[in-house]
C-alpha atoms as a PDB file:
ATOM      1  CA  MET A   1       0.000   0.000   0.000  1.00  0.00           C
ATOM      2  CA  ASP A   2       1.331   3.419  -0.944  1.00  0.00           C
ATOM      3  CA  ASP A   3      -1.047   5.992   0.516  1.00  0.00           C
ATOM      4  CA  VAL A   4      -4.400   6.670   2.099  1.00  0.00           C
ATOM      5  CA  SER A   5      -6.508   9.762   1.454  1.00  0.00           C
ATOM      6  CA  ASP A   6     -10.034  11.014   2.154  1.00  0.00           C
ATOM      7  CA  ASP A   7     -12.421  13.116   0.109  1.00  0.00           C
ATOM      8  CA  VAL A   8     -13.276  16.598   1.368  1.00  0.00           C
ATOM      9  CA  ASN A   9     -16.424  15.345   3.112  1.00  0.00           C
ATOM     10  CA  GLY A  10     -14.686  12.414   4.744  1.00  0.00           C
ATOM     11  CA  HIS A  11     -17.167   9.936   3.235  1.00  0.00           C
ATOM     12  CA  VAL A  12     -14.754   8.126   0.907  1.00  0.00           C
ATOM     13  CA  SER A  13     -11.289   6.949   1.858  1.00  0.00           C
ATOM     14  CA  GLU A  14      -8.801   5.759  -0.739  1.00  0.00           C
ATOM     15  CA  GLU A  15      -5.862   3.374  -0.499  1.00  0.00           C
ATOM     16  CA  ARG A  16      -3.505   2.940  -3.408  1.00  0.00           C
ATOM     17  CA  PHE A  17      -1.683  -0.354  -3.717  1.00  0.00           C
ATOM     18  CA  GLY A  18       1.310   0.431  -5.877  1.00  0.00           C
ATOM     19  CA  GLU A  19       0.629   2.107  -9.189  1.00  0.00           C
ATOM     20  CA  TRP A  20      -2.243   0.002 -10.514  1.00  0.00           C
ATOM     21  CA  VAL A  21      -4.737  -1.000  -7.822  1.00  0.00           C
ATOM     22  CA  VAL A  22      -6.948   1.281  -5.743  1.00  0.00           C
ATOM     23  CA  VAL A  23      -9.387   0.555  -2.917  1.00  0.00           C
ATOM     24  CA  ARG A  24     -12.047   3.136  -2.149  1.00  0.00           C
ATOM     25  CA  ARG A  25     -14.227   2.766   0.945  1.00  0.00           C
ATOM     26  CA  GLU A  26     -17.540   4.583   1.354  1.00  0.00           C
ATOM     27  CA  THR A  27     -17.718   5.220   5.083  1.00  0.00           C
ATOM     28  CA  ASP A  28     -21.461   5.910   5.166  1.00  0.00           C
ATOM     29  CA  THR A  29     -22.571   2.912   3.097  1.00  0.00           C
ATOM     30  CA  HIS A  30     -19.965   0.275   4.055  1.00  0.00           C
ATOM     31  CA  VAL A  31     -19.312  -0.358   0.347  1.00  0.00           C
ATOM     32  CA  ALA A  32     -15.778  -0.678  -1.008  1.00  0.00           C
ATOM     33  CA  GLU A  33     -14.639  -0.393  -4.603  1.00  0.00           C
ATOM     34  CA  LEU A  34     -11.671  -2.429  -5.797  1.00  0.00           C
ATOM     35  CA  VAL A  35     -10.391  -0.556  -8.834  1.00  0.00           C
ATOM     36  CA  LEU A  36      -8.180  -1.893 -11.636  1.00  0.00           C
ATOM     37  CA  ASP A  37      -6.133   1.129 -12.696  1.00  0.00           C
ATOM     38  CA  ARG A  38      -3.549   0.164 -15.287  1.00  0.00           C
ATOM     39  CA  PRO A  39      -5.025   2.043 -18.265  1.00  0.00           C
ATOM     40  CA  LYS A  40      -1.957   2.004 -20.502  1.00  0.00           C
ATOM     41  CA  ALA A  41      -2.168  -1.804 -20.662  1.00  0.00           C
ATOM     42  CA  MET A  42      -5.992  -2.117 -20.536  1.00  0.00           C
ATOM     43  CA  ASN A  43      -5.538  -3.592 -17.047  1.00  0.00           C
ATOM     44  CA  ALA A  44      -3.501  -6.562 -18.299  1.00  0.00           C
ATOM     45  CA  VAL A  45      -2.475  -8.599 -15.273  1.00  0.00           C
ATOM     46  CA  SER A  46       1.306  -8.572 -14.949  1.00  0.00           C
ATOM     47  CA  THR A  47       3.203 -10.187 -12.098  1.00  0.00           C
ATOM     48  CA  GLU A  48       3.305  -6.892 -10.224  1.00  0.00           C
ATOM     49  CA  MET A  49      -0.366  -6.136 -10.789  1.00  0.00           C
ATOM     50  CA  ALA A  50      -1.282  -9.629  -9.571  1.00  0.00           C
ATOM     51  CA  ARG A  51       0.783  -9.065  -6.440  1.00  0.00           C
ATOM     52  CA  LEU A  52      -0.906  -5.731  -5.769  1.00  0.00           C
ATOM     53  CA  LEU A  53      -4.368  -7.173  -6.358  1.00  0.00           C
ATOM     54  CA  GLY A  54      -3.652  -9.935  -3.873  1.00  0.00           C
ATOM     55  CA  GLU A  55      -2.544  -7.366  -1.284  1.00  0.00           C
ATOM     56  CA  ALA A  56      -5.646  -5.240  -1.836  1.00  0.00           C
ATOM     57  CA  CYS A  57      -7.922  -8.279  -1.443  1.00  0.00           C
ATOM     58  CA  ALA A  58      -6.184  -9.250   1.790  1.00  0.00           C
ATOM     59  CA  SER A  59      -6.797  -5.739   3.127  1.00  0.00           C
ATOM     60  CA  LEU A  60     -10.485  -5.876   2.185  1.00  0.00           C
ATOM     61  CA  ALA A  61     -10.983  -9.373   3.586  1.00  0.00           C
ATOM     62  CA  ALA A  62      -9.681  -8.233   6.968  1.00  0.00           C
ATOM     63  CA  ASP A  63     -11.908  -5.130   7.100  1.00  0.00           C
ATOM     64  CA  ARG A  64     -15.035  -5.929   9.107  1.00  0.00           C
ATOM     65  CA  ARG A  65     -16.536  -2.559   8.190  1.00  0.00           C
ATOM     66  CA  VAL A  66     -16.934  -3.529   4.534  1.00  0.00           C
ATOM     67  CA  ARG A  67     -20.217  -5.250   3.687  1.00  0.00           C
ATOM     68  CA  ALA A  68     -20.057  -5.333  -0.131  1.00  0.00           C
ATOM     69  CA  VAL A  69     -17.359  -4.820  -2.787  1.00  0.00           C
ATOM     70  CA  VAL A  70     -17.539  -3.614  -6.387  1.00  0.00           C
ATOM     71  CA  LEU A  71     -14.705  -4.616  -8.741  1.00  0.00           C
ATOM     72  CA  SER A  72     -14.326  -1.923 -11.407  1.00  0.00           C
ATOM     73  CA  SER A  73     -11.990  -0.485 -14.027  1.00  0.00           C
ATOM     74  CA  THR A  74     -10.750   3.002 -14.870  1.00  0.00           C
ATOM     75  CA  HIS A  75     -10.193   2.155 -18.551  1.00  0.00           C
ATOM     76  CA  GLU A  76     -12.899   3.433 -20.901  1.00  0.00           C
ATOM     77  CA  ARG A  77     -12.749   0.447 -23.262  1.00  0.00           C
ATOM     78  CA  ALA A  78     -11.787  -2.456 -21.043  1.00  0.00           C
ATOM     79  CA  PHE A  79     -12.521  -4.090 -17.733  1.00  0.00           C
ATOM     80  CA  CYS A  80      -9.411  -6.276 -18.029  1.00  0.00           C
ATOM     81  CA  VAL A  81      -7.861  -7.991 -21.042  1.00  0.00           C
ATOM     82  CA  GLY A  82      -6.338 -10.829 -19.006  1.00  0.00           C
ATOM     83  CA  ALA A  83      -2.734 -11.857 -18.581  1.00  0.00           C
ATOM     84  CA  ASP A  84       0.010  -9.487 -19.685  1.00  0.00           C
ATOM     85  CA  LEU A  85       1.179 -11.420 -22.750  1.00  0.00           C
ATOM     86  CA  LYS A  86       3.830  -8.816 -23.562  1.00  0.00           C
ATOM     87  CA  GLU A  87       5.456  -9.563 -20.217  1.00  0.00           C
ATOM     88  CA  ARG A  88       5.039 -13.284 -20.711  1.00  0.00           C
ATOM     89  CA  ASN A  89       6.667 -13.131 -24.129  1.00  0.00           C
ATOM     90  CA  SER A  90       9.980 -12.526 -22.358  1.00  0.00           C
ATOM     91  CA  PHE A  91       9.450 -15.248 -19.739  1.00  0.00           C
ATOM     92  CA  THR A  92      11.467 -18.382 -19.371  1.00  0.00           C
ATOM     93  CA  ASP A  93       9.680 -21.444 -18.029  1.00  0.00           C
ATOM     94  CA  ALA A  94      11.192 -20.641 -14.644  1.00  0.00           C
ATOM     95  CA  ASP A  95       9.813 -17.091 -14.792  1.00  0.00           C
ATOM     96  CA  LEU A  96       6.327 -18.423 -15.545  1.00  0.00           C
ATOM     97  CA  ALA A  97       6.533 -20.855 -12.650  1.00  0.00           C
ATOM     98  CA  ARG A  98       7.633 -18.063 -10.309  1.00  0.00           C
ATOM     99  CA  GLN A  99       4.692 -15.905 -11.407  1.00  0.00           C
ATOM    100  CA  ARG A 100       2.080 -18.565 -10.726  1.00  0.00           C
ATOM    101  CA  PRO A 101       1.708 -18.046  -6.945  1.00  0.00           C
ATOM    102  CA  TYR A 102       1.109 -14.316  -7.467  1.00  0.00           C
ATOM    103  CA  ALA A 103      -1.494 -14.975 -10.163  1.00  0.00           C
ATOM    104  CA  ARG A 104      -3.308 -17.521  -8.021  1.00  0.00           C
ATOM    105  CA  ALA A 105      -3.286 -15.176  -5.041  1.00  0.00           C
ATOM    106  CA  ALA A 106      -4.889 -12.438  -7.135  1.00  0.00           C
ATOM    107  CA  TYR A 107      -7.745 -14.569  -8.470  1.00  0.00           C
ATOM    108  CA  THR A 108      -8.403 -16.454  -5.248  1.00  0.00           C
ATOM    109  CA  GLY A 109      -8.146 -13.166  -3.373  1.00  0.00           C
ATOM    110  CA  VAL A 110     -11.204 -11.890  -5.231  1.00  0.00           C
ATOM    111  CA  LEU A 111     -12.962 -15.264  -5.101  1.00  0.00           C
ATOM    112  CA  GLU A 112     -12.501 -15.658  -1.346  1.00  0.00           C
ATOM    113  CA  LEU A 113     -13.565 -12.176  -0.270  1.00  0.00           C
ATOM    114  CA  PRO A 114     -15.990 -12.959   2.567  1.00  0.00           C
ATOM    115  CA  MET A 115     -18.526 -10.269   1.673  1.00  0.00           C
ATOM    116  CA  PRO A 116     -20.735 -10.095  -1.464  1.00  0.00           C
ATOM    117  CA  THR A 117     -18.856  -8.911  -4.550  1.00  0.00           C
ATOM    118  CA  ILE A 118     -20.081  -7.388  -7.818  1.00  0.00           C
ATOM    119  CA  ALA A 119     -18.075  -6.912 -11.016  1.00  0.00           C
ATOM    120  CA  ALA A 120     -18.816  -3.788 -13.076  1.00  0.00           C
ATOM    121  CA  VAL A 121     -17.877  -4.745 -16.643  1.00  0.00           C
ATOM    122  CA  HIS A 122     -17.632  -2.689 -19.800  1.00  0.00           C
ATOM    123  CA  GLY A 123     -15.520  -3.255 -22.893  1.00  0.00           C
ATOM    124  CA  PHE A 124     -13.189  -6.236 -22.969  1.00  0.00           C
ATOM    125  CA  ALA A 125     -13.247  -8.773 -20.145  1.00  0.00           C
ATOM    126  CA  LEU A 126     -11.180 -11.570 -21.622  1.00  0.00           C
ATOM    127  CA  GLY A 127      -9.211 -14.476 -20.211  1.00  0.00           C
ATOM    128  CA  GLY A 128      -8.036 -13.596 -16.741  1.00  0.00           C
ATOM    129  CA  GLY A 129     -10.137 -10.444 -16.919  1.00  0.00           C
ATOM    130  CA  PHE A 130     -13.311 -12.463 -17.278  1.00  0.00           C
ATOM    131  CA  GLU A 131     -12.069 -14.833 -14.583  1.00  0.00           C
ATOM    132  CA  LEU A 132     -11.823 -11.880 -12.183  1.00  0.00           C
ATOM    133  CA  ALA A 133     -15.454 -11.073 -12.981  1.00  0.00           C
ATOM    134  CA  LEU A 134     -16.465 -14.728 -12.601  1.00  0.00           C
ATOM    135  CA  SER A 135     -14.821 -14.706  -9.173  1.00  0.00           C
ATOM    136  CA  CYS A 136     -17.432 -12.183  -8.057  1.00  0.00           C
ATOM    137  CA  ASP A 137     -20.909 -13.158  -6.899  1.00  0.00           C
ATOM    138  CA  LEU A 138     -22.675 -10.975  -9.463  1.00  0.00           C
ATOM    139  CA  ILE A 139     -21.693  -9.336 -12.760  1.00  0.00           C
ATOM    140  CA  VAL A 140     -23.190  -6.084 -14.030  1.00  0.00           C
ATOM    141  CA  ALA A 141     -22.268  -5.263 -17.632  1.00  0.00           C
ATOM    142  CA  ASP A 142     -23.063  -2.529 -20.105  1.00  0.00           C
ATOM    143  CA  PRO A 143     -23.757  -3.045 -23.849  1.00  0.00           C
ATOM    144  CA  THR A 144     -20.093  -2.560 -24.784  1.00  0.00           C
ATOM    145  CA  ALA A 145     -19.002  -5.619 -22.794  1.00  0.00           C
ATOM    146  CA  VAL A 146     -17.240  -8.444 -24.620  1.00  0.00           C
ATOM    147  CA  VAL A 147     -16.407 -11.486 -22.515  1.00  0.00           C
ATOM    148  CA  GLY A 148     -14.651 -14.779 -23.132  1.00  0.00           C
ATOM    149  CA  LEU A 149     -11.989 -17.275 -22.147  1.00  0.00           C
ATOM    150  CA  PRO A 150      -9.643 -17.445 -25.173  1.00  0.00           C
ATOM    151  CA  GLU A 151      -6.713 -19.162 -23.439  1.00  0.00           C
ATOM    152  CA  VAL A 152      -6.607 -22.277 -25.655  1.00  0.00           C
ATOM    153  CA  SER A 153      -5.963 -19.969 -28.624  1.00  0.00           C
ATOM    154  CA  VAL A 154      -2.571 -19.078 -27.089  1.00  0.00           C
ATOM    155  CA  GLY A 155      -1.671 -22.555 -25.915  1.00  0.00           C
ATOM    156  CA  VAL A 156      -2.811 -22.552 -22.282  1.00  0.00           C
ATOM    157  CA  ILE A 157      -6.070 -23.033 -20.392  1.00  0.00           C
ATOM    158  CA  PRO A 158      -8.101 -20.712 -18.187  1.00  0.00           C
ATOM    159  CA  GLY A 159      -5.964 -20.802 -15.057  1.00  0.00           C
ATOM    160  CA  GLY A 160      -7.643 -18.175 -12.880  1.00  0.00           C
ATOM    161  CA  GLY A 161     -10.636 -20.323 -12.018  1.00  0.00           C
ATOM    162  CA  GLY A 162     -12.380 -20.266 -15.381  1.00  0.00           C
ATOM    163  CA  THR A 163     -12.689 -24.025 -15.915  1.00  0.00           C
ATOM    164  CA  GLN A 164     -14.390 -24.317 -12.513  1.00  0.00           C
ATOM    165  CA  LEU A 165     -16.376 -21.087 -12.245  1.00  0.00           C
ATOM    166  CA  LEU A 166     -17.847 -20.953 -15.743  1.00  0.00           C
ATOM    167  CA  PRO A 167     -19.610 -24.363 -15.604  1.00  0.00           C
ATOM    168  CA  ARG A 168     -21.052 -23.381 -12.241  1.00  0.00           C
ATOM    169  CA  ARG A 169     -22.689 -20.459 -14.012  1.00  0.00           C
ATOM    170  CA  VAL A 170     -23.778 -21.920 -17.316  1.00  0.00           C
ATOM    171  CA  GLY A 171     -23.441 -25.714 -17.083  1.00  0.00           C
ATOM    172  CA  ALA A 172     -20.718 -28.078 -18.236  1.00  0.00           C
ATOM    173  CA  ALA A 173     -21.603 -28.309 -21.935  1.00  0.00           C
ATOM    174  CA  ARG A 174     -22.010 -24.577 -22.457  1.00  0.00           C
ATOM    175  CA  ALA A 175     -18.747 -23.901 -20.617  1.00  0.00           C
ATOM    176  CA  ALA A 176     -16.958 -26.526 -22.717  1.00  0.00           C
ATOM    177  CA  GLU A 177     -18.180 -24.934 -25.942  1.00  0.00           C
ATOM    178  CA  LEU A 178     -17.071 -21.459 -24.868  1.00  0.00           C
ATOM    179  CA  ILE A 179     -13.666 -22.590 -23.594  1.00  0.00           C
ATOM    180  CA  PHE A 180     -12.893 -24.974 -26.484  1.00  0.00           C
ATOM    181  CA  THR A 181     -13.829 -22.452 -29.199  1.00  0.00           C
ATOM    182  CA  ALA A 182     -12.167 -19.500 -27.393  1.00  0.00           C
ATOM    183  CA  ARG A 183     -14.914 -17.297 -28.788  1.00  0.00           C
ATOM    184  CA  ARG A 184     -15.796 -13.832 -27.585  1.00  0.00           C
ATOM    185  CA  VAL A 185     -19.367 -13.129 -26.514  1.00  0.00           C
ATOM    186  CA  GLU A 186     -20.974  -9.710 -26.747  1.00  0.00           C
ATOM    187  CA  ALA A 187     -23.133  -8.259 -23.998  1.00  0.00           C
ATOM    188  CA  ALA A 188     -26.633  -9.193 -25.189  1.00  0.00           C
ATOM    189  CA  GLU A 189     -25.728 -12.835 -25.776  1.00  0.00           C
ATOM    190  CA  ALA A 190     -23.700 -12.900 -22.568  1.00  0.00           C
ATOM    191  CA  ARG A 191     -26.811 -11.878 -20.635  1.00  0.00           C
ATOM    192  CA  GLU A 192     -28.904 -14.470 -22.459  1.00  0.00           C
ATOM    193  CA  LEU A 193     -26.395 -17.245 -21.663  1.00  0.00           C
ATOM    194  CA  GLY A 194     -26.017 -16.209 -18.024  1.00  0.00           C
ATOM    195  CA  LEU A 195     -22.413 -15.067 -18.396  1.00  0.00           C
ATOM    196  CA  VAL A 196     -23.459 -11.750 -16.839  1.00  0.00           C
ATOM    197  CA  ASP A 197     -26.383 -11.059 -14.526  1.00  0.00           C
ATOM    198  CA  HIS A 198     -27.532  -7.511 -15.247  1.00  0.00           C
ATOM    199  CA  LEU A 199     -27.284  -5.265 -18.309  1.00  0.00           C
ATOM    200  CA  ALA A 200     -26.974  -1.579 -17.490  1.00  0.00           C
ATOM    201  CA  ALA A 201     -27.260   1.322 -19.900  1.00  0.00           C
ATOM    202  CA  GLU A 202     -24.046   2.165 -21.721  1.00  0.00           C
ATOM    203  CA  GLY A 203     -21.523   3.696 -19.361  1.00  0.00           C
ATOM    204  CA  GLU A 204     -23.655   2.898 -16.322  1.00  0.00           C
ATOM    205  CA  ASP A 205     -22.198  -0.467 -15.287  1.00  0.00           C
ATOM    206  CA  ARG A 206     -20.200   1.014 -12.396  1.00  0.00           C
ATOM    207  CA  ALA A 207     -23.062   3.191 -11.148  1.00  0.00           C
ATOM    208  CA  GLU A 208     -25.507   0.290 -11.257  1.00  0.00           C
ATOM    209  CA  ALA A 209     -23.059  -2.055  -9.541  1.00  0.00           C
ATOM    210  CA  LEU A 210     -22.447   0.489  -6.782  1.00  0.00           C
ATOM    211  CA  ALA A 211     -26.193   1.033  -6.338  1.00  0.00           C
ATOM    212  CA  LEU A 212     -26.708  -2.721  -6.025  1.00  0.00           C
ATOM    213  CA  ALA A 213     -23.797  -2.975  -3.568  1.00  0.00           C
ATOM    214  CA  ARG A 214     -25.295  -0.206  -1.408  1.00  0.00           C
ATOM    215  CA  ARG A 215     -28.623  -2.012  -1.350  1.00  0.00           C
ATOM    216  CA  ILE A 216     -26.863  -5.219  -0.274  1.00  0.00           C
ATOM    217  CA  ALA A 217     -24.746  -3.403   2.319  1.00  0.00           C
ATOM    218  CA  ALA A 218     -27.836  -2.064   4.079  1.00  0.00           C
ATOM    219  CA  ASN A 219     -28.363  -5.604   5.395  1.00  0.00           C
ATOM    220  CA  SER A 220     -26.711  -7.405   8.302  1.00  0.00           C
ATOM    221  CA  PRO A 221     -22.940  -7.796   7.771  1.00  0.00           C
ATOM    222  CA  VAL A 222     -23.007 -10.977   9.849  1.00  0.00           C
ATOM    223  CA  GLY A 223     -25.897 -12.319   7.804  1.00  0.00           C
ATOM    224  CA  LEU A 224     -24.318 -11.390   4.475  1.00  0.00           C
ATOM    225  CA  ARG A 225     -21.035 -13.146   5.222  1.00  0.00           C
ATOM    226  CA  ALA A 226     -22.787 -16.249   6.550  1.00  0.00           C
ATOM    227  CA  ALA A 227     -25.131 -16.393   3.549  1.00  0.00           C
ATOM    228  CA  LYS A 228     -22.191 -16.124   1.147  1.00  0.00           C
ATOM    229  CA  ARG A 229     -20.320 -18.822   3.048  1.00  0.00           C
ATOM    230  CA  ALA A 230     -23.323 -21.146   2.846  1.00  0.00           C
ATOM    231  CA  LEU A 231     -23.829 -20.474  -0.865  1.00  0.00           C
ATOM    232  CA  ARG A 232     -20.174 -21.022  -1.752  1.00  0.00           C
ATOM    233  CA  THR A 233     -19.543 -24.013   0.534  1.00  0.00           C
ATOM    234  CA  GLY A 234     -22.786 -25.803  -0.228  1.00  0.00           C
ATOM    235  CA  TRP A 235     -22.527 -25.559  -4.010  1.00  0.00           C
ATOM    236  CA  GLY A 236     -22.042 -28.976  -5.595  1.00  0.00           C
ATOM    237  CA  LEU A 237     -22.807 -30.950  -2.447  1.00  0.00           C
ATOM    238  CA  ASP A 238     -25.719 -33.346  -2.271  1.00  0.00           C
ATOM    239  CA  LEU A 239     -28.838 -31.895  -0.656  1.00  0.00           C
ATOM    240  CA  ARG A 240     -28.337 -33.476   2.752  1.00  0.00           C
ATOM    241  CA  ALA A 241     -24.739 -32.225   3.005  1.00  0.00           C
ATOM    242  CA  GLY A 242     -25.766 -28.815   1.712  1.00  0.00           C
ATOM    243  CA  LEU A 243     -28.417 -28.478   4.371  1.00  0.00           C
ATOM    244  CA  GLU A 244     -25.792 -29.246   7.016  1.00  0.00           C
ATOM    245  CA  VAL A 245     -23.667 -26.413   5.610  1.00  0.00           C
ATOM    246  CA  GLU A 246     -26.696 -24.138   5.778  1.00  0.00           C
ATOM    247  CA  ASP A 247     -27.445 -25.172   9.360  1.00  0.00           C
ATOM    248  CA  ALA A 248     -23.886 -24.399  10.446  1.00  0.00           C
ATOM    249  CA  ALA A 249     -24.129 -20.968   8.821  1.00  0.00           C
ATOM    250  CA  TRP A 250     -27.503 -20.375  10.499  1.00  0.00           C
ATOM    251  CA  ARG A 251     -26.064 -21.248  13.899  1.00  0.00           C
ATOM    252  CA  SER A 252     -23.262 -18.748  13.355  1.00  0.00           C
ATOM    253  CA  VAL A 253     -25.793 -15.910  13.035  1.00  0.00           C
ATOM    254  CA  ALA A 254     -28.803 -17.051  15.080  1.00  0.00           C
ATOM    255  CA  PHE A 255     -27.317 -15.941  18.394  1.00  0.00           C
ATOM    256  CA  SER A 256     -25.532 -12.851  17.088  1.00  0.00           C
ATOM    257  CA  GLY A 257     -26.003  -9.214  17.972  1.00  0.00           C
ATOM    258  CA  ASP A 258     -27.120  -8.585  14.388  1.00  0.00           C
ATOM    259  CA  ARG A 259     -29.972 -11.090  14.741  1.00  0.00           C
ATOM    260  CA  ALA A 260     -31.144  -9.461  17.984  1.00  0.00           C
ATOM    261  CA  GLU A 261     -30.940  -5.988  16.428  1.00  0.00           C
ATOM    262  CA  GLY A 262     -32.714  -7.092  13.252  1.00  0.00           C
ATOM    263  CA  VAL A 263     -35.677  -8.509  15.179  1.00  0.00           C
ATOM    264  CA  ALA A 264     -35.847  -5.467  17.463  1.00  0.00           C
ATOM    265  CA  ALA A 265     -35.712  -3.021  14.543  1.00  0.00           C
ATOM    266  CA  PHE A 266     -38.467  -4.907  12.711  1.00  0.00           C
ATOM    267  CA  ASN A 267     -40.768  -4.802  15.722  1.00  0.00           C
ATOM    268  CA  GLU A 268     -39.962  -1.153  16.467  1.00  0.00           C
ATOM    269  CA  LYS A 269     -40.509  -0.213  12.810  1.00  0.00           C
ATOM    270  CA  ARG A 270     -37.107   1.466  12.406  1.00  0.00           C
ATOM    271  CA  ALA A 271     -33.946   0.982  10.407  1.00  0.00           C
ATOM    272  CA  PRO A 272     -31.554  -1.467  12.048  1.00  0.00           C
ATOM    273  CA  ARG A 273     -28.263  -0.307  13.534  1.00  0.00           C
ATOM    274  CA  TRP A 274     -26.148  -3.366  12.893  1.00  0.00           C
ATOM    275  CA  PRO A 275     -23.473  -4.095  15.521  1.00  0.00           C
ATOM    276  CA  GLY A 276     -21.732  -6.371  13.023  1.00  0.00           C
ATOM    277  CA  GLU A 277     -21.201  -9.178  15.509  1.00  0.00           C
END
């Protein structure tokens, strides 16, 4: 992390992780924005950018004040174009092997954020860029979005979670077709296939994602984290095992301060003041 600053009203704080990753926290709403800010390379994920993204995710994961996260981009024509192939063109096999832990930490850092996450996608979201979006719980895109996993066209496979996350969204056969053909999918078809969840007006993907995050963040932080844990852990289990996962998550919130406050606020017809514990 390089620096921390606040806006003039003190409602938004900003942390910069190196040159290319920014975290903004909205104090009033408990929403954070994880910003990809490498515009000269269309947010291509180099070794250094992967390292910074992993650090930023670790900071967010440890912040109990944050209830929802939006993953966004500062580039006008791209969310993220994936791995930095210009950097990789100079790699030896040993260099590529050394990069792998940083890359995995970046993608799993987003995937394992304990609070709900929303990707705000416009322009190109390809390869590792689309995998970053897939690592989020929800994807909001605008009509300029173009998504895809083209890794087999350059001799590798989706290695940021794509072979596991995409079939969980669209089914095994559809994922196989998209990965094997390496084809790019434009926004309207992406919405139809379930590759993205919401289509915003052009240029409004970030605003819509932030609005959705604020709506989510108005709810119990304890409940949100437990619900996400149950959803993620229970996926793919048989029903009986999944219900046990759900029961464990329920027990973690049923006797919490948030549960007591939620019930009290409902009966007193007022907005809850979540203790977050």
